[in-house]
Amino acid sequence: MTGLICIALWVATLLLLARVVVSWLEFFGVRRPIVGPGRAAWDLLYDVTEPALRPLRRIIPPAGMFDISVIVAFVIIFVLRYAFC
């Protein structure tokens, strides 16, 4: 059971990291694909990570143009990994 939790936390870390990279790409002017597998992957990444980030955004206000909720999510995941793995 602990191994499954560790794998889930590792996958969550990778998904959040991918979300950060995609947001940086958007910031630097790379547009979302309109159609195709790139658009499906982009939308899937947002659909998977947004339910975890939305409650954190309600609690933690943005610091200017920076979204601190992602950093808090990373900290929570690292604490859980330290506790379970």
PDB file of N, CA and C in Angstrom:
ATOM      1  N   MET A   1       0.825  -1.195   0.000  1.00  0.00           N
ATOM      2  CA  MET A   1       0.000   0.000   0.000  1.00  0.00           C
ATOM      3  C   MET A   1       0.867   1.257   0.000  1.00  0.00           C
ATOM      4  N   THR A   2       1.935   1.240   0.765  1.00  0.00           N
ATOM      5  CA  THR A   2       2.816   2.399   0.824  1.00  0.00           C
ATOM      6  C   THR A   2       3.480   2.645  -0.525  1.00  0.00           C
ATOM      7  N   GLY A   3       3.829   1.557  -1.205  1.00  0.00           N
ATOM      8  CA  GLY A   3       4.437   1.696  -2.521  1.00  0.00           C
ATOM      9  C   GLY A   3       3.505   2.370  -3.508  1.00  0.00           C
ATOM     10  N   LEU A   4       2.222   2.069  -3.422  1.00  0.00           N
ATOM     11  CA  LEU A   4       1.234   2.687  -4.309  1.00  0.00           C
ATOM     12  C   LEU A   4       1.105   4.176  -4.018  1.00  0.00           C
ATOM     13  N   ILE A   5       1.138   4.537  -2.744  1.00  0.00           N
ATOM     14  CA  ILE A   5       1.078   5.953  -2.365  1.00  0.00           C
ATOM     15  C   ILE A   5       2.306   6.688  -2.882  1.00  0.00           C
ATOM     16  N   CYS A   6       3.462   6.069  -2.769  1.00  0.00           N
ATOM     17  CA  CYS A   6       4.699   6.691  -3.248  1.00  0.00           C
ATOM     18  C   CYS A   6       4.658   6.904  -4.754  1.00  0.00           C
ATOM     19  N   ILE A   7       4.148   5.917  -5.477  1.00  0.00           N
ATOM     20  CA  ILE A   7       4.041   6.057  -6.932  1.00  0.00           C
ATOM     21  C   ILE A   7       3.067   7.177  -7.284  1.00  0.00           C
ATOM     22  N   ALA A   8       1.931   7.242  -6.591  1.00  0.00           N
ATOM     23  CA  ALA A   8       0.949   8.292  -6.850  1.00  0.00           C
ATOM     24  C   ALA A   8       1.527   9.681  -6.567  1.00  0.00           C
ATOM     25  N   LEU A   9       2.294   9.805  -5.500  1.00  0.00           N
ATOM     26  CA  LEU A   9       2.914  11.094  -5.185  1.00  0.00           C
ATOM     27  C   LEU A   9       3.984  11.464  -6.206  1.00  0.00           C
ATOM     28  N   TRP A  10       4.714  10.467  -6.704  1.00  0.00           N
ATOM     29  CA  TRP A  10       5.730  10.720  -7.726  1.00  0.00           C
ATOM     30  C   TRP A  10       5.069  11.185  -9.029  1.00  0.00           C
ATOM     31  N   VAL A  11       3.961  10.541  -9.403  1.00  0.00           N
ATOM     32  CA  VAL A  11       3.225  10.937 -10.609  1.00  0.00           C
ATOM     33  C   VAL A  11       2.661  12.351 -10.439  1.00  0.00           C
ATOM     34  N   ALA A  12       2.141  12.658  -9.251  1.00  0.00           N
ATOM     35  CA  ALA A  12       1.633  14.001  -8.991  1.00  0.00           C
ATOM     36  C   ALA A  12       2.738  15.045  -9.127  1.00  0.00           C
ATOM     37  N   THR A  13       3.930  14.711  -8.652  1.00  0.00           N
ATOM     38  CA  THR A  13       5.064  15.627  -8.787  1.00  0.00           C
ATOM     39  C   THR A  13       5.388  15.872 -10.255  1.00  0.00           C
ATOM     40  N   LEU A  14       5.425  14.813 -11.042  1.00  0.00           N
ATOM     41  CA  LEU A  14       5.721  14.953 -12.469  1.00  0.00           C
ATOM     42  C   LEU A  14       4.646  15.756 -13.196  1.00  0.00           C
ATOM     43  N   LEU A  15       3.391  15.526 -12.858  1.00  0.00           N
ATOM     44  CA  LEU A  15       2.309  16.271 -13.492  1.00  0.00           C
ATOM     45  C   LEU A  15       2.368  17.755 -13.141  1.00  0.00           C
ATOM     46  N   LEU A  16       2.652  18.062 -11.883  1.00  0.00           N
ATOM     47  CA  LEU A  16       2.781  19.474 -11.497  1.00  0.00           C
ATOM     48  C   LEU A  16       3.977  20.129 -12.176  1.00  0.00           C
ATOM     49  N   LEU A  17       5.062  19.399 -12.296  1.00  0.00           N
ATOM     50  CA  LEU A  17       6.230  19.935 -12.984  1.00  0.00           C
ATOM     51  C   LEU A  17       5.909  20.201 -14.456  1.00  0.00           C
ATOM     52  N   ALA A  18       5.196  19.289 -15.084  1.00  0.00           N
ATOM     53  CA  ALA A  18       4.787  19.504 -16.473  1.00  0.00           C
ATOM     54  C   ALA A  18       3.860  20.714 -16.574  1.00  0.00           C
ATOM     55  N   ARG A  19       2.984  20.890 -15.598  1.00  0.00           N
ATOM     56  CA  ARG A  19       2.081  22.044 -15.596  1.00  0.00           C
ATOM     57  C   ARG A  19       2.867  23.349 -15.487  1.00  0.00           C
ATOM     58  N   VAL A  20       3.920  23.355 -14.684  1.00  0.00           N
ATOM     59  CA  VAL A  20       4.763  24.550 -14.554  1.00  0.00           C
ATOM     60  C   VAL A  20       5.448  24.853 -15.891  1.00  0.00           C
ATOM     61  N   VAL A  21       5.989  23.828 -16.531  1.00  0.00           N
ATOM     62  CA  VAL A  21       6.667  24.024 -17.819  1.00  0.00           C
ATOM     63  C   VAL A  21       5.686  24.556 -18.857  1.00  0.00           C
ATOM     64  N   VAL A  22       4.483  24.000 -18.903  1.00  0.00           N
ATOM     65  CA  VAL A  22       3.480  24.454 -19.868  1.00  0.00           C
ATOM     66  C   VAL A  22       3.084  25.903 -19.589  1.00  0.00           C
ATOM     67  N   SER A  23       2.967  26.272 -18.335  1.00  0.00           N
ATOM     68  CA  SER A  23       2.615  27.660 -18.023  1.00  0.00           C
ATOM     69  C   SER A  23       3.737  28.609 -18.417  1.00  0.00           C
ATOM     70  N   TRP A  24       4.998  28.164 -18.283  1.00  0.00           N
ATOM     71  CA  TRP A  24       6.117  28.991 -18.745  1.00  0.00           C
ATOM     72  C   TRP A  24       6.080  29.140 -20.259  1.00  0.00           C
ATOM     73  N   LEU A  25       5.752  28.062 -20.960  1.00  0.00           N
ATOM     74  CA  LEU A  25       5.644  28.148 -22.411  1.00  0.00           C
ATOM     75  C   LEU A  25       4.581  29.157 -22.816  1.00  0.00           C
ATOM     76  N   GLU A  26       3.444  29.129 -22.132  1.00  0.00           N
ATOM     77  CA  GLU A  26       2.391  30.109 -22.410  1.00  0.00           C
ATOM     78  C   GLU A  26       2.874  31.525 -22.127  1.00  0.00           C
ATOM     79  N   PHE A  27       3.616  31.694 -21.055  1.00  0.00           N
ATOM     80  CA  PHE A  27       4.125  33.015 -20.685  1.00  0.00           C
ATOM     81  C   PHE A  27       5.062  33.557 -21.758  1.00  0.00           C
ATOM     82  N   PHE A  28       5.857  32.674 -22.355  1.00  0.00           N
ATOM     83  CA  PHE A  28       6.812  33.112 -23.369  1.00  0.00           C
ATOM     84  C   PHE A  28       6.230  33.110 -24.780  1.00  0.00           C
ATOM     85  N   GLY A  29       4.915  32.964 -24.891  1.00  0.00           N
ATOM     86  CA  GLY A  29       4.259  33.178 -26.173  1.00  0.00           C
ATOM     87  C   GLY A  29       3.926  31.936 -26.974  1.00  0.00           C
ATOM     88  N   VAL A  30       4.198  30.763 -26.454  1.00  0.00           N
ATOM     89  CA  VAL A  30       3.824  29.548 -27.172  1.00  0.00           C
ATOM     90  C   VAL A  30       2.328  29.347 -26.976  1.00  0.00           C
ATOM     91  N   ARG A  31       1.615  29.250 -28.076  1.00  0.00           N
ATOM     92  CA  ARG A  31       0.160  29.099 -27.992  1.00  0.00           C
ATOM     93  C   ARG A  31      -0.228  27.637 -27.867  1.00  0.00           C
ATOM     94  N   ARG A  32      -1.383  27.408 -27.256  1.00  0.00           N
ATOM     95  CA  ARG A  32      -1.922  26.058 -27.166  1.00  0.00           C
ATOM     96  C   ARG A  32      -2.262  25.570 -28.567  1.00  0.00           C
ATOM     97  N   PRO A  33      -2.022  24.299 -28.833  1.00  0.00           N
ATOM     98  CA  PRO A  33      -2.459  23.768 -30.125  1.00  0.00           C
ATOM     99  C   PRO A  33      -3.987  23.859 -30.236  1.00  0.00           C
ATOM    100  N   ILE A  34      -4.462  24.112 -31.435  1.00  0.00           N
ATOM    101  CA  ILE A  34      -5.900  24.255 -31.632  1.00  0.00           C
ATOM    102  C   ILE A  34      -6.585  22.887 -31.640  1.00  0.00           C
ATOM    103  N   VAL A  35      -5.994  21.933 -32.344  1.00  0.00           N
ATOM    104  CA  VAL A  35      -6.546  20.576 -32.418  1.00  0.00           C
ATOM    105  C   VAL A  35      -5.406  19.574 -32.376  1.00  0.00           C
ATOM    106  N   GLY A  36      -5.773  18.308 -32.262  1.00  0.00           N
ATOM    107  CA  GLY A  36      -4.787  17.248 -32.353  1.00  0.00           C
ATOM    108  C   GLY A  36      -4.355  16.710 -31.009  1.00  0.00           C
ATOM    109  N   PRO A  37      -3.369  15.812 -31.043  1.00  0.00           N
ATOM    110  CA  PRO A  37      -2.925  15.178 -29.799  1.00  0.00           C
ATOM    111  C   PRO A  37      -2.244  16.155 -28.844  1.00  0.00           C
ATOM    112  N   GLY A  38      -1.611  17.190 -29.373  1.00  0.00           N
ATOM    113  CA  GLY A  38      -0.994  18.193 -28.501  1.00  0.00           C
ATOM    114  C   GLY A  38      -2.030  18.917 -27.666  1.00  0.00           C
ATOM    115  N   ARG A  39      -3.150  19.254 -28.299  1.00  0.00           N
ATOM    116  CA  ARG A  39      -4.236  19.929 -27.574  1.00  0.00           C
ATOM    117  C   ARG A  39      -4.851  18.988 -26.530  1.00  0.00           C
ATOM    118  N   ALA A  40      -5.013  17.719 -26.909  1.00  0.00           N
ATOM    119  CA  ALA A  40      -5.580  16.754 -25.965  1.00  0.00           C
ATOM    120  C   ALA A  40      -4.675  16.581 -24.748  1.00  0.00           C
ATOM    121  N   ALA A  41      -3.361  16.513 -24.970  1.00  0.00           N
ATOM    122  CA  ALA A  41      -2.414  16.374 -23.862  1.00  0.00           C
ATOM    123  C   ALA A  41      -2.421  17.627 -22.990  1.00  0.00           C
ATOM    124  N   TRP A  42      -2.455  18.784 -23.627  1.00  0.00           N
ATOM    125  CA  TRP A  42      -2.478  20.064 -22.911  1.00  0.00           C
ATOM    126  C   TRP A  42      -3.719  20.132 -22.021  1.00  0.00           C
ATOM    127  N   ASP A  43      -4.891  19.813 -22.599  1.00  0.00           N
ATOM    128  CA  ASP A  43      -6.136  19.857 -21.834  1.00  0.00           C
ATOM    129  C   ASP A  43      -6.154  18.810 -20.724  1.00  0.00           C
ATOM    130  N   LEU A  44      -5.642  17.623 -21.000  1.00  0.00           N
ATOM    131  CA  LEU A  44      -5.600  16.576 -19.984  1.00  0.00           C
ATOM    132  C   LEU A  44      -4.728  16.996 -18.801  1.00  0.00           C
ATOM    133  N   LEU A  45      -3.608  17.629 -19.078  1.00  0.00           N
ATOM    134  CA  LEU A  45      -2.716  18.090 -18.015  1.00  0.00           C
ATOM    135  C   LEU A  45      -3.432  19.098 -17.117  1.00  0.00           C
ATOM    136  N   TYR A  46      -4.159  20.030 -17.728  1.00  0.00           N
ATOM    137  CA  TYR A  46      -4.898  21.008 -16.936  1.00  0.00           C
ATOM    138  C   TYR A  46      -6.047  20.362 -16.183  1.00  0.00           C
ATOM    139  N   ASP A  47      -6.756  19.418 -16.832  1.00  0.00           N
ATOM    140  CA  ASP A  47      -7.883  18.751 -16.172  1.00  0.00           C
ATOM    141  C   ASP A  47      -7.435  17.914 -14.974  1.00  0.00           C
ATOM    142  N   VAL A  48      -6.244  17.349 -15.038  1.00  0.00           N
ATOM    143  CA  VAL A  48      -5.750  16.500 -13.952  1.00  0.00           C
ATOM    144  C   VAL A  48      -5.201  17.332 -12.792  1.00  0.00           C
ATOM    145  N   THR A  49      -4.532  18.420 -13.092  1.00  0.00           N
ATOM    146  CA  THR A  49      -3.885  19.198 -12.036  1.00  0.00           C
ATOM    147  C   THR A  49      -4.781  20.278 -11.425  1.00  0.00           C
ATOM    148  N   GLU A  50      -5.760  20.744 -12.150  1.00  0.00           N
ATOM    149  CA  GLU A  50      -6.585  21.852 -11.658  1.00  0.00           C
ATOM    150  C   GLU A  50      -7.386  21.512 -10.398  1.00  0.00           C
ATOM    151  N   PRO A  51      -7.954  20.297 -10.247  1.00  0.00           N
ATOM    152  CA  PRO A  51      -8.689  20.016  -9.003  1.00  0.00           C
ATOM    153  C   PRO A  51      -7.830  20.105  -7.743  1.00  0.00           C
ATOM    154  N   ALA A  52      -6.544  19.873  -7.849  1.00  0.00           N
ATOM    155  CA  ALA A  52      -5.667  20.009  -6.683  1.00  0.00           C
ATOM    156  C   ALA A  52      -5.259  21.464  -6.452  1.00  0.00           C
ATOM    157  N   LEU A  53      -5.154  22.238  -7.522  1.00  0.00           N
ATOM    158  CA  LEU A  53      -4.680  23.613  -7.377  1.00  0.00           C
ATOM    159  C   LEU A  53      -5.799  24.606  -7.059  1.00  0.00           C
ATOM    160  N   ARG A  54      -7.007  24.333  -7.506  1.00  0.00           N
ATOM    161  CA  ARG A  54      -8.113  25.273  -7.297  1.00  0.00           C
ATOM    162  C   ARG A  54      -8.373  25.561  -5.816  1.00  0.00           C
ATOM    163  N   PRO A  55      -8.457  24.543  -4.926  1.00  0.00           N
ATOM    164  CA  PRO A  55      -8.675  24.866  -3.503  1.00  0.00           C
ATOM    165  C   PRO A  55      -7.516  25.660  -2.898  1.00  0.00           C
ATOM    166  N   LEU A  56      -6.307  25.383  -3.353  1.00  0.00           N
ATOM    167  CA  LEU A  56      -5.159  26.134  -2.830  1.00  0.00           C
ATOM    168  C   LEU A  56      -5.221  27.592  -3.275  1.00  0.00           C
ATOM    169  N   ARG A  57      -5.703  27.838  -4.485  1.00  0.00           N
ATOM    170  CA  ARG A  57      -5.816  29.219  -4.970  1.00  0.00           C
ATOM    171  C   ARG A  57      -6.851  30.011  -4.182  1.00  0.00           C
ATOM    172  N   ARG A  58      -7.876  29.315  -3.665  1.00  0.00           N
ATOM    173  CA  ARG A  58      -8.870  30.013  -2.843  1.00  0.00           C
ATOM    174  C   ARG A  58      -8.272  30.457  -1.523  1.00  0.00           C
ATOM    175  N   ILE A  59      -7.316  29.677  -1.013  1.00  0.00           N
ATOM    176  CA  ILE A  59      -6.698  29.976   0.281  1.00  0.00           C
ATOM    177  C   ILE A  59      -5.529  30.950   0.124  1.00  0.00           C
ATOM    178  N   ILE A  60      -4.719  30.742  -0.915  1.00  0.00           N
ATOM    179  CA  ILE A  60      -3.488  31.511  -1.103  1.00  0.00           C
ATOM    180  C   ILE A  60      -3.669  32.478  -2.262  1.00  0.00           C
ATOM    181  N   PRO A  61      -3.633  33.764  -1.999  1.00  0.00           N
ATOM    182  CA  PRO A  61      -3.778  34.726  -3.094  1.00  0.00           C
ATOM    183  C   PRO A  61      -2.514  34.754  -3.957  1.00  0.00           C
ATOM    184  N   PRO A  62      -2.659  35.107  -5.236  1.00  0.00           N
ATOM    185  CA  PRO A  62      -1.478  35.193  -6.087  1.00  0.00           C
ATOM    186  C   PRO A  62      -0.566  36.333  -5.644  1.00  0.00           C
ATOM    187  N   ALA A  63       0.720  36.135  -5.829  1.00  0.00           N
ATOM    188  CA  ALA A  63       1.705  37.168  -5.501  1.00  0.00           C
ATOM    189  C   ALA A  63       2.068  37.878  -6.801  1.00  0.00           C
ATOM    190  N   GLY A  64       1.325  38.908  -7.105  1.00  0.00           N
ATOM    191  CA  GLY A  64       1.531  39.597  -8.373  1.00  0.00           C
ATOM    192  C   GLY A  64       1.086  38.696  -9.507  1.00  0.00           C
ATOM    193  N   MET A  65       2.002  38.406 -10.420  1.00  0.00           N
ATOM    194  CA  MET A  65       1.655  37.521 -11.531  1.00  0.00           C
ATOM    195  C   MET A  65       2.111  36.087 -11.289  1.00  0.00           C
ATOM    196  N   PHE A  66       2.597  35.793 -10.090  1.00  0.00           N
ATOM    197  CA  PHE A  66       3.076  34.453  -9.766  1.00  0.00           C
ATOM    198  C   PHE A  66       2.001  33.666  -9.016  1.00  0.00           C
ATOM    199  N   ASP A  67       1.843  32.410  -9.415  1.00  0.00           N
ATOM    200  CA  ASP A  67       0.882  31.523  -8.784  1.00  0.00           C
ATOM    201  C   ASP A  67       1.608  30.713  -7.714  1.00  0.00           C
ATOM    202  N   ILE A  68       1.416  31.098  -6.475  1.00  0.00           N
ATOM    203  CA  ILE A  68       2.104  30.465  -5.353  1.00  0.00           C
ATOM    204  C   ILE A  68       1.488  29.103  -5.022  1.00  0.00           C
ATOM    205  N   SER A  69       0.261  28.856  -5.481  1.00  0.00           N
ATOM    206  CA  SER A  69      -0.414  27.602  -5.143  1.00  0.00           C
ATOM    207  C   SER A  69       0.355  26.382  -5.644  1.00  0.00           C
ATOM    208  N   VAL A  70       1.055  26.499  -6.739  1.00  0.00           N
ATOM    209  CA  VAL A  70       1.838  25.377  -7.262  1.00  0.00           C
ATOM    210  C   VAL A  70       2.999  25.064  -6.312  1.00  0.00           C
ATOM    211  N   ILE A  71       3.634  26.091  -5.784  1.00  0.00           N
ATOM    212  CA  ILE A  71       4.733  25.881  -4.841  1.00  0.00           C
ATOM    213  C   ILE A  71       4.212  25.214  -3.571  1.00  0.00           C
ATOM    214  N   VAL A  72       3.057  25.662  -3.093  1.00  0.00           N
ATOM    215  CA  VAL A  72       2.461  25.048  -1.901  1.00  0.00           C
ATOM    216  C   VAL A  72       2.108  23.586  -2.187  1.00  0.00           C
ATOM    217  N   ALA A  73       1.599  23.305  -3.382  1.00  0.00           N
ATOM    218  CA  ALA A  73       1.282  21.919  -3.753  1.00  0.00           C
ATOM    219  C   ALA A  73       2.546  21.066  -3.763  1.00  0.00           C
ATOM    220  N   PHE A  74       3.649  21.593  -4.279  1.00  0.00           N
ATOM    221  CA  PHE A  74       4.918  20.855  -4.248  1.00  0.00           C
ATOM    222  C   PHE A  74       5.356  20.579  -2.813  1.00  0.00           C
ATOM    223  N   VAL A  75       5.224  21.562  -1.942  1.00  0.00           N
ATOM    224  CA  VAL A  75       5.613  21.382  -0.539  1.00  0.00           C
ATOM    225  C   VAL A  75       4.751  20.303   0.111  1.00  0.00           C
ATOM    226  N   ILE A  76       3.452  20.338  -0.136  1.00  0.00           N
ATOM    227  CA  ILE A  76       2.561  19.320   0.425  1.00  0.00           C
ATOM    228  C   ILE A  76       2.946  17.935  -0.073  1.00  0.00           C
ATOM    229  N   ILE A  77       3.217  17.815  -1.362  1.00  0.00           N
ATOM    230  CA  ILE A  77       3.609  16.516  -1.911  1.00  0.00           C
ATOM    231  C   ILE A  77       4.922  16.046  -1.305  1.00  0.00           C
ATOM    232  N   PHE A  78       5.893  16.932  -1.167  1.00  0.00           N
ATOM    233  CA  PHE A  78       7.181  16.536  -0.590  1.00  0.00           C
ATOM    234  C   PHE A  78       7.040  16.121   0.870  1.00  0.00           C
ATOM    235  N   VAL A  79       6.182  16.790   1.617  1.00  0.00           N
ATOM    236  CA  VAL A  79       5.941  16.396   3.010  1.00  0.00           C
ATOM    237  C   VAL A  79       5.289  15.028   3.050  1.00  0.00           C
ATOM    238  N   LEU A  80       4.308  14.788   2.195  1.00  0.00           N
ATOM    239  CA  LEU A  80       3.661  13.484   2.150  1.00  0.00           C
ATOM    240  C   LEU A  80       4.640  12.388   1.716  1.00  0.00           C
ATOM    241  N   ARG A  81       5.505  12.711   0.769  1.00  0.00           N
ATOM    242  CA  ARG A  81       6.524  11.718   0.346  1.00  0.00           C
ATOM    243  C   ARG A  81       7.480  11.415   1.484  1.00  0.00           C
ATOM    244  N   TYR A  82       7.845  12.413   2.255  1.00  0.00           N
ATOM    245  CA  TYR A  82       8.725  12.202   3.393  1.00  0.00           C
ATOM    246  C   TYR A  82       8.034  11.352   4.453  1.00  0.00           C
ATOM    247  N   ALA A  83       6.736  11.562   4.629  1.00  0.00           N
ATOM    248  CA  ALA A  83       6.006  10.817   5.657  1.00  0.00           C
ATOM    249  C   ALA A  83       5.727   9.379   5.244  1.00  0.00           C
ATOM    250  N   PHE A  84       5.447   9.130   3.981  1.00  0.00           N
ATOM    251  CA  PHE A  84       5.028   7.793   3.545  1.00  0.00           C
ATOM    252  C   PHE A  84       6.101   6.991   2.835  1.00  0.00           C
ATOM    253  N   CYS A  85       7.039   7.658   2.220  1.00  0.00           N
ATOM    254  CA  CYS A  85       8.020   6.915   1.411  1.00  0.00           C
ATOM    255  C   CYS A  85       9.301   6.850   2.157  1.00  0.00           C
TER     256      CYS A  85
END
